[in-house]
Each structure stands twice: as C-alpha cells, then as structure tokens.
Amino acid sequence: MVAVMVLMHYNPLAPDQHTENLKKFCACALLALACIIFGLYYDRMFIIPKELFQSRELIWKLAKNDFKKRYAGSYLGFLWALVQPVVTVVMYWIVFDKVFQTRSQLVASGVEVPYVLYLTAGLVPWFYFSEAITNGTSALLEYSYLVKKVVFNISILPIIKLIAATFIHVFFVVVLLVVAIFYGYYPNIYTIQIVYYSFCLFVLVLAMSYCTCAVVVFFRDLAQIINIGLQVGMWATPILWNIDMLNNPKIITLFKLNPLVYIVNGYRNAIYGDEWFFEHFYSSTYFWIFTVTLFCVGSLIFKRLKVHFADVL
C-alpha cells in the first residue's frame, strides 16, 4: 500500500519543473533589481550614452588613428594582430583534436561539426573579448595626456579602444565564415545573427570597461588581476569543451551565469546551429538584464571617480 502511494505521488518532471521555476525566479529578481537601479539613477545613466552619440564623429576618427598607431613602424603592420590568434587556433586544434582526440568526446555530447569549426567559432568572440577588455581597461592610462585636458570629453576613451579592436574582430569573423564554408556550412539566414551577437559582445565589454578603466587609475593591480581572470575565464567558458559534457544540471546552470556562454553559443548557432537568439528566451533575458545593469553600475562608478582622474594621473 505504501509503495502504491509513493508511486502515485512520484513526479518524474519535478526536477525539470524546479529548474524552470528557478530560472523564472532569477529572471524576475534580476529584472526587479534593474528597475530599482534605473528608478534611482535614471538621470545619471543616460549621460554617457548622450555624450557618446554627440561625439560619434570624433570617436570614429580617434578609433581609426588608434588602430593605425598600434602597428606603426612594423613591416607587417596590422598583420601581426592576426598572427597570434591564428597560431593559437592551430595549436589548440592540434593538441586537443589530433593528440588528445577531443573530437570523440564532443560527438558523445552531441556536437557533430568538425572540431576546428567548433573551436574557431568559440575562439573568435573570445579573442575580441580578451583584447577589448584589456585595451579598454588601460584607456585612461594610455591617453592620460587627454584626461588632463579640461575641455576634452574623456568618456569617449574606452569606446575608442573597443572600436579599434572591432576592426580585427571583423577580419576573424570573415575567417570563421571561410572555415565554415570549407567544411560545407554555407551562410544562411541564421548567419546574420553574428551581427547581433557581436553587438551583444561589444555592449558587454563596454559596460565592463567603464568600470575597470575608472578603478585601474587608483588600483593599478587590477590590470594584472584581469589578465589572470582571462586565463581562468578561457577554461570557464565552453570554448575548448562542450557544456553538455557536464551531467549535473545545477553545474550547467552555474556555468551559464557567465554571460560569455550566451555569446559563444550564439556564434555557434549562427554558423551551424540553425537557431534564433529569441528561441533562448531565458538566456537572452538574463544576458541583457545583466549587461544593462552592469553598464549602469559602470557608468555611475565612472562618473563618480571622473573628477579625480586628472589628480591621480
């Protein structure tokens, strides 16, 4: 009799329902937090976006000059920016696909595309994130002579470094498309999502840069901490491995709190996944609430510390 009662109350979908409720709760909590922050500081949050829009022509000119200046004096010029990432992709492909046979593990977890395509689709956004956050963090330090000028709008400095890094990113997106075509994955209607996910990545790094570039002026060790964080983040993001290899749903949810998981998976879906970004409602909602909240917090920190930059530098 007891066994019958247990079977009657047993619900095999309970864990999935619990996970679904947890996702809804987290989404509502983040949305509520974003609304509270927006309500308290909405008048300050729009200052930086307005300044960026008003200085859009100057930003474009300075970004092009920054890109040209970075490789001035070298024989190969900007080609040096392409060599290291390409070598990195080739080395990872040789080590993990040819030596350790990671391909078989990916197939077991549901990934059926060639490993070099899977790897390139993950490394392209990571290379951009790594370069952009590093350069964006050092923007005020590198342009310290402009920070000390009273009439110059220093709020545009982080975005200048990000746009300069975008030039290289566009080239690697083209390389990614070429690799996909080589293996028979031709561009289709889903491929246009690369523009969307690139925009997501740009806004995320910009939000982080406003916070880090302001703090690093007073705490120079932050740059080294970020470098260490990038090394850890490389492995905490499913770039070389597939997140479906993890059998524990709670651990998978924990890893998905990393906003780069959304972007990396998005690049792969745009190339060979045939899925739209709005099909992943909770992931998209979480990413944008997280990013907008981070941008608001970064803007507030930047504005609060801005008056002291010239004195420290």
Protein backbone atom coordinates (compact mmCIF):
# COMPACT_ATOMS: atom_id res chain seq x y z
CA MET A 1 0.00 0.00 0.00
CA VAL A 2 2.80 2.39 0.88
CA ALA A 3 4.59 1.60 -2.37
CA VAL A 4 1.44 2.42 -4.36
CA MET A 5 1.07 5.76 -2.59
CA VAL A 6 4.72 6.63 -3.31
CA LEU A 7 4.30 5.83 -6.99
CA MET A 8 1.15 7.96 -7.16
CA HIS A 9 2.98 10.96 -5.73
CA TYR A 10 6.13 10.46 -7.78
CA ASN A 11 6.57 13.12 -10.44
CA PRO A 12 9.44 12.47 -12.89
CA LEU A 13 9.23 16.04 -14.19
CA ALA A 14 9.73 17.59 -10.75
CA PRO A 15 13.47 18.34 -11.21
CA ASP A 16 12.80 20.00 -14.57
CA GLN A 17 9.93 21.98 -13.09
CA HIS A 18 12.16 23.04 -10.22
CA THR A 19 14.83 24.25 -12.66
CA GLU A 20 12.20 26.10 -14.69
CA ASN A 21 10.87 27.84 -11.59
CA LEU A 22 14.41 28.74 -10.56
CA LYS A 23 15.03 30.33 -13.96
CA LYS A 24 11.83 32.35 -13.70
CA PHE A 25 12.70 33.47 -10.18
CA CYS A 26 16.20 34.57 -11.20
CA ALA A 27 14.85 36.43 -14.23
CA CYS A 28 12.27 38.25 -12.11
CA ALA A 29 14.85 39.07 -9.43
CA LEU A 30 17.29 40.50 -11.98
CA LEU A 31 14.52 42.46 -13.67
CA ALA A 32 13.40 43.90 -10.33
CA LEU A 33 16.98 44.87 -9.48
CA ALA A 34 17.42 46.54 -12.87
CA CYS A 35 14.18 48.50 -12.39
CA ILE A 36 15.24 49.66 -8.93
CA ILE A 37 18.62 50.85 -10.18
CA PHE A 38 17.02 52.54 -13.18
CA GLY A 39 14.46 54.30 -10.99
CA LEU A 40 17.08 55.62 -8.60
CA TYR A 41 19.74 56.70 -11.08
CA TYR A 42 17.99 57.07 -14.45
CA ASP A 43 19.03 60.75 -14.75
CA ARG A 44 22.74 59.81 -14.48
CA MET A 45 22.60 56.70 -16.63
CA PHE A 46 21.84 58.49 -19.86
CA ILE A 47 24.70 60.98 -19.54
CA ILE A 48 27.36 58.70 -21.06
CA PRO A 49 25.16 57.39 -23.95
CA LYS A 50 24.30 61.00 -24.84
CA GLU A 51 27.97 62.01 -24.74
CA LEU A 52 28.93 59.07 -26.96
CA PHE A 53 26.28 59.93 -29.52
CA GLN A 54 27.23 63.60 -29.61
CA SER A 55 30.92 62.71 -30.13
CA ARG A 56 30.35 59.90 -32.66
CA GLU A 57 32.43 61.54 -35.44
CA LEU A 58 35.36 62.22 -33.12
CA ILE A 59 35.15 58.66 -31.76
CA TRP A 60 35.37 57.19 -35.26
CA LYS A 61 38.41 59.29 -36.18
CA LEU A 62 40.26 58.53 -32.97
CA ALA A 63 39.47 54.81 -33.25
CA LYS A 64 40.98 54.65 -36.74
CA ASN A 65 44.05 56.54 -35.56
CA ASP A 66 44.42 54.24 -32.56
CA PHE A 67 44.30 51.19 -34.82
CA LYS A 68 46.90 52.62 -37.22
CA LYS A 69 49.18 53.81 -34.42
CA ARG A 70 49.24 50.40 -32.77
CA TYR A 71 51.15 48.81 -35.65
CA ALA A 72 53.01 51.83 -36.98
CA GLY A 73 56.70 51.20 -37.72
CA SER A 74 56.44 47.41 -38.23
CA TYR A 75 56.94 45.83 -41.64
CA LEU A 76 53.85 43.62 -41.48
CA GLY A 77 51.70 46.24 -39.80
CA PHE A 78 48.30 45.05 -38.61
CA LEU A 79 49.07 41.52 -39.83
CA TRP A 80 50.85 40.96 -36.52
CA ALA A 81 47.45 41.24 -34.84
CA LEU A 82 46.30 38.27 -36.90
CA VAL A 83 49.31 36.00 -36.46
CA GLN A 84 48.99 35.20 -32.75
CA PRO A 85 45.26 34.29 -32.78
CA VAL A 86 45.69 32.13 -35.89
CA VAL A 87 48.65 30.31 -34.32
CA THR A 88 46.60 29.84 -31.13
CA VAL A 89 43.72 28.24 -33.05
CA VAL A 90 46.09 25.92 -34.91
CA MET A 91 47.89 24.84 -31.73
CA TYR A 92 44.64 24.16 -29.84
CA TRP A 93 43.34 22.20 -32.82
CA ILE A 94 46.48 20.04 -32.98
CA VAL A 95 46.68 19.42 -29.24
CA PHE A 96 43.00 18.78 -28.47
CA ASP A 97 41.82 17.24 -31.72
CA LYS A 98 44.83 15.34 -33.04
CA VAL A 99 46.70 14.49 -29.83
CA PHE A 100 44.00 14.09 -27.15
CA GLN A 101 41.17 13.15 -29.53
CA THR A 102 38.71 15.61 -28.01
CA ARG A 103 36.57 15.18 -31.09
CA SER A 104 35.23 11.83 -29.84
CA GLN A 105 34.12 13.40 -26.55
CA LEU A 106 32.31 16.19 -28.38
CA VAL A 107 30.49 13.70 -30.57
CA ALA A 108 29.41 11.82 -27.45
CA SER A 109 27.96 15.08 -26.03
CA GLY A 110 26.02 15.84 -29.22
CA VAL A 111 28.44 18.00 -31.25
CA GLU A 112 28.75 16.66 -34.77
CA VAL A 113 30.57 19.51 -36.54
CA PRO A 114 34.34 19.38 -37.23
CA TYR A 115 36.32 20.29 -34.15
CA VAL A 116 38.28 23.06 -35.88
CA LEU A 117 35.00 24.79 -36.77
CA TYR A 118 33.65 24.31 -33.26
CA LEU A 119 36.90 25.67 -31.85
CA THR A 120 37.13 28.67 -34.18
CA ALA A 121 33.52 29.67 -33.51
CA GLY A 122 34.32 29.81 -29.80
CA LEU A 123 37.72 31.49 -30.04
CA VAL A 124 36.66 34.34 -32.38
CA PRO A 125 34.43 36.07 -29.78
CA TRP A 126 36.88 35.20 -27.00
CA PHE A 127 39.80 36.86 -28.82
CA TYR A 128 37.73 40.01 -29.20
CA PHE A 129 36.62 39.99 -25.58
CA SER A 130 40.16 39.45 -24.32
CA GLU A 131 41.70 42.22 -26.42
CA ALA A 132 38.84 44.67 -25.90
CA ILE A 133 38.66 44.37 -22.11
CA THR A 134 42.46 44.64 -21.80
CA ASN A 135 42.67 47.72 -24.01
CA GLY A 136 39.51 49.25 -22.60
CA THR A 137 40.83 48.93 -19.05
CA SER A 138 44.04 50.79 -19.94
CA ALA A 139 42.30 53.50 -22.00
CA LEU A 140 42.62 56.28 -19.41
CA LEU A 141 46.20 55.35 -18.58
CA GLU A 142 47.24 55.32 -22.22
CA TYR A 143 45.51 58.60 -23.00
CA SER A 144 46.47 60.29 -19.74
CA TYR A 145 47.52 63.43 -21.62
CA LEU A 146 43.94 63.82 -22.82
CA VAL A 147 42.48 63.12 -19.38
CA LYS A 148 44.32 66.15 -18.02
CA LYS A 149 42.75 68.45 -20.61
CA VAL A 150 39.76 70.21 -19.12
CA VAL A 151 37.88 70.62 -22.41
CA PHE A 152 38.23 67.01 -23.59
CA ASN A 153 35.40 64.55 -23.01
CA ILE A 154 37.21 61.57 -21.52
CA SER A 155 34.04 59.44 -21.51
CA ILE A 156 34.74 58.51 -25.14
CA LEU A 157 38.17 56.96 -24.47
CA PRO A 158 37.04 53.39 -23.57
CA ILE A 159 34.83 53.06 -26.64
CA ILE A 160 37.70 54.21 -28.87
CA LYS A 161 39.77 51.20 -27.80
CA LEU A 162 36.82 48.87 -28.34
CA ILE A 163 36.12 50.11 -31.85
CA ALA A 164 39.81 49.73 -32.72
CA ALA A 165 39.64 46.11 -31.56
CA THR A 166 36.48 45.60 -33.62
CA PHE A 167 38.43 46.08 -36.86
CA ILE A 168 40.41 42.90 -36.16
CA HIS A 169 37.28 41.11 -35.00
CA VAL A 170 35.58 41.73 -38.35
CA PHE A 171 38.52 40.04 -40.09
CA PHE A 172 38.26 36.98 -37.85
CA VAL A 173 34.52 36.73 -38.46
CA VAL A 174 35.35 36.52 -42.16
CA VAL A 175 37.92 33.80 -41.39
CA LEU A 176 35.26 31.93 -39.39
CA LEU A 177 32.87 32.08 -42.33
CA VAL A 178 35.60 30.79 -44.67
CA VAL A 179 36.32 27.86 -42.34
CA ALA A 180 32.60 27.08 -42.19
CA ILE A 181 32.27 27.15 -45.98
CA PHE A 182 35.33 24.90 -46.30
CA TYR A 183 33.54 22.24 -44.24
CA GLY A 184 30.26 22.65 -46.10
CA TYR A 185 28.39 25.01 -43.75
CA TYR A 186 27.35 27.81 -46.08
CA PRO A 187 25.92 31.14 -44.86
CA ASN A 188 22.15 31.23 -44.49
CA ILE A 189 19.50 33.40 -42.89
CA TYR A 190 20.71 32.43 -39.39
CA THR A 191 24.21 33.75 -40.13
CA ILE A 192 23.06 37.37 -39.81
CA GLN A 193 22.84 36.75 -36.08
CA ILE A 194 26.60 37.23 -35.93
CA VAL A 195 25.86 40.95 -36.13
CA TYR A 196 23.52 40.66 -33.15
CA TYR A 197 25.93 38.60 -31.03
CA SER A 198 28.83 40.91 -31.96
CA PHE A 199 26.72 43.82 -30.73
CA CYS A 200 25.98 41.92 -27.52
CA LEU A 201 29.69 41.35 -27.01
CA PHE A 202 30.51 44.99 -27.73
CA VAL A 203 27.98 46.30 -25.21
CA LEU A 204 29.11 43.80 -22.57
CA VAL A 205 32.77 44.78 -22.89
CA LEU A 206 31.89 48.48 -22.96
CA ALA A 207 29.93 48.09 -19.73
CA MET A 208 32.86 46.31 -18.09
CA SER A 209 35.41 48.79 -19.44
CA TYR A 210 33.74 51.83 -17.87
CA CYS A 211 34.07 50.18 -14.50
CA THR A 212 37.57 48.74 -14.89
CA CYS A 213 39.17 51.77 -16.58
CA ALA A 214 37.97 54.00 -13.75
CA VAL A 215 39.12 51.68 -10.96
CA VAL A 216 42.52 50.89 -12.51
CA VAL A 217 43.52 54.55 -12.26
CA PHE A 218 43.52 54.20 -8.47
CA PHE A 219 44.30 50.48 -8.25
CA ARG A 220 46.88 49.57 -10.89
CA ASP A 221 46.99 45.92 -9.82
CA LEU A 222 43.57 45.48 -11.39
CA ALA A 223 45.19 45.08 -14.80
CA GLN A 224 47.13 42.05 -13.59
CA ILE A 225 44.03 40.63 -11.91
CA ILE A 226 42.16 40.92 -15.20
CA ASN A 227 44.93 39.06 -17.02
CA ILE A 228 44.66 36.21 -14.52
CA GLY A 229 40.88 36.32 -14.79
CA LEU A 230 41.14 35.97 -18.57
CA GLN A 231 43.25 32.84 -18.17
CA VAL A 232 40.66 31.33 -15.83
CA GLY A 233 37.77 32.55 -17.97
CA MET A 234 39.23 30.83 -21.02
CA TRP A 235 38.57 27.48 -19.36
CA ALA A 236 35.39 28.51 -17.54
CA THR A 237 33.79 29.30 -20.89
CA PRO A 238 32.87 26.34 -23.15
CA ILE A 239 35.32 27.19 -25.91
CA LEU A 240 37.54 24.12 -25.98
CA TRP A 241 34.88 21.88 -24.49
CA ASN A 242 31.12 21.43 -24.72
CA ILE A 243 28.92 22.44 -21.81
CA ASP A 244 26.69 19.40 -22.43
CA MET A 245 29.60 17.23 -21.24
CA LEU A 246 28.51 18.23 -17.73
CA ASN A 247 25.86 15.84 -16.48
CA ASN A 248 24.74 17.90 -13.49
CA PRO A 249 22.00 20.45 -14.44
CA LYS A 250 22.89 22.65 -11.46
CA ILE A 251 26.53 22.90 -12.57
CA ILE A 252 25.40 23.68 -16.11
CA THR A 253 23.17 26.48 -14.78
CA LEU A 254 26.10 27.80 -12.75
CA PHE A 255 28.33 27.94 -15.81
CA LYS A 256 25.60 29.67 -17.81
CA LEU A 257 25.72 32.58 -15.38
CA ASN A 258 28.84 33.54 -17.32
CA PRO A 259 27.47 35.94 -19.99
CA LEU A 260 30.14 34.83 -22.44
CA VAL A 261 28.49 31.40 -22.59
CA TYR A 262 25.49 33.07 -24.21
CA ILE A 263 27.68 34.80 -26.79
CA VAL A 264 29.91 31.81 -27.61
CA ASN A 265 26.90 29.54 -28.06
CA GLY A 266 25.29 32.28 -30.12
CA TYR A 267 28.19 32.42 -32.55
CA ARG A 268 28.00 28.66 -32.99
CA ASN A 269 24.24 28.75 -33.55
CA ALA A 270 24.72 31.47 -36.15
CA ILE A 271 27.27 29.39 -38.06
CA TYR A 272 25.85 25.88 -37.92
CA GLY A 273 23.17 25.65 -35.22
CA ASP A 274 20.18 26.99 -37.19
CA GLU A 275 18.64 28.54 -34.08
CA TRP A 276 17.42 32.09 -33.48
CA PHE A 277 18.51 34.02 -30.42
CA PHE A 278 14.90 34.59 -29.30
CA GLU A 279 14.39 30.84 -29.04
CA HIS A 280 16.57 31.01 -25.92
CA PHE A 281 14.30 33.38 -24.03
CA TYR A 282 15.71 32.99 -20.53
CA SER A 283 19.32 33.19 -21.69
CA SER A 284 18.65 36.34 -23.73
CA THR A 285 16.69 37.95 -20.91
CA TYR A 286 19.38 37.17 -18.35
CA PHE A 287 22.16 38.44 -20.62
CA TRP A 288 20.55 41.80 -21.34
CA ILE A 289 19.44 42.42 -17.76
CA PHE A 290 22.95 41.57 -16.57
CA THR A 291 24.63 43.73 -19.24
CA VAL A 292 22.37 46.76 -18.84
CA THR A 293 22.70 46.60 -15.05
CA LEU A 294 26.48 46.33 -15.38
CA PHE A 295 26.53 49.30 -17.77
CA CYS A 296 24.51 51.37 -15.31
CA VAL A 297 26.81 50.47 -12.43
CA GLY A 298 29.91 51.11 -14.55
CA SER A 299 28.58 54.49 -15.66
CA LEU A 300 27.90 55.51 -12.07
CA ILE A 301 31.39 54.45 -10.95
CA PHE A 302 32.99 56.25 -13.90
CA LYS A 303 31.09 59.48 -13.22
CA ARG A 304 31.78 59.33 -9.50
CA LEU A 305 35.57 58.89 -9.96
CA LYS A 306 35.90 61.09 -13.03
CA VAL A 307 36.65 64.27 -11.09
CA HIS A 308 39.73 62.66 -9.51
CA PHE A 309 41.34 61.20 -12.66
CA ALA A 310 43.46 64.23 -13.52
CA ASP A 311 44.84 64.48 -9.98
CA VAL A 312 45.97 60.84 -9.89
CA LEU A 313 47.33 60.67 -13.43
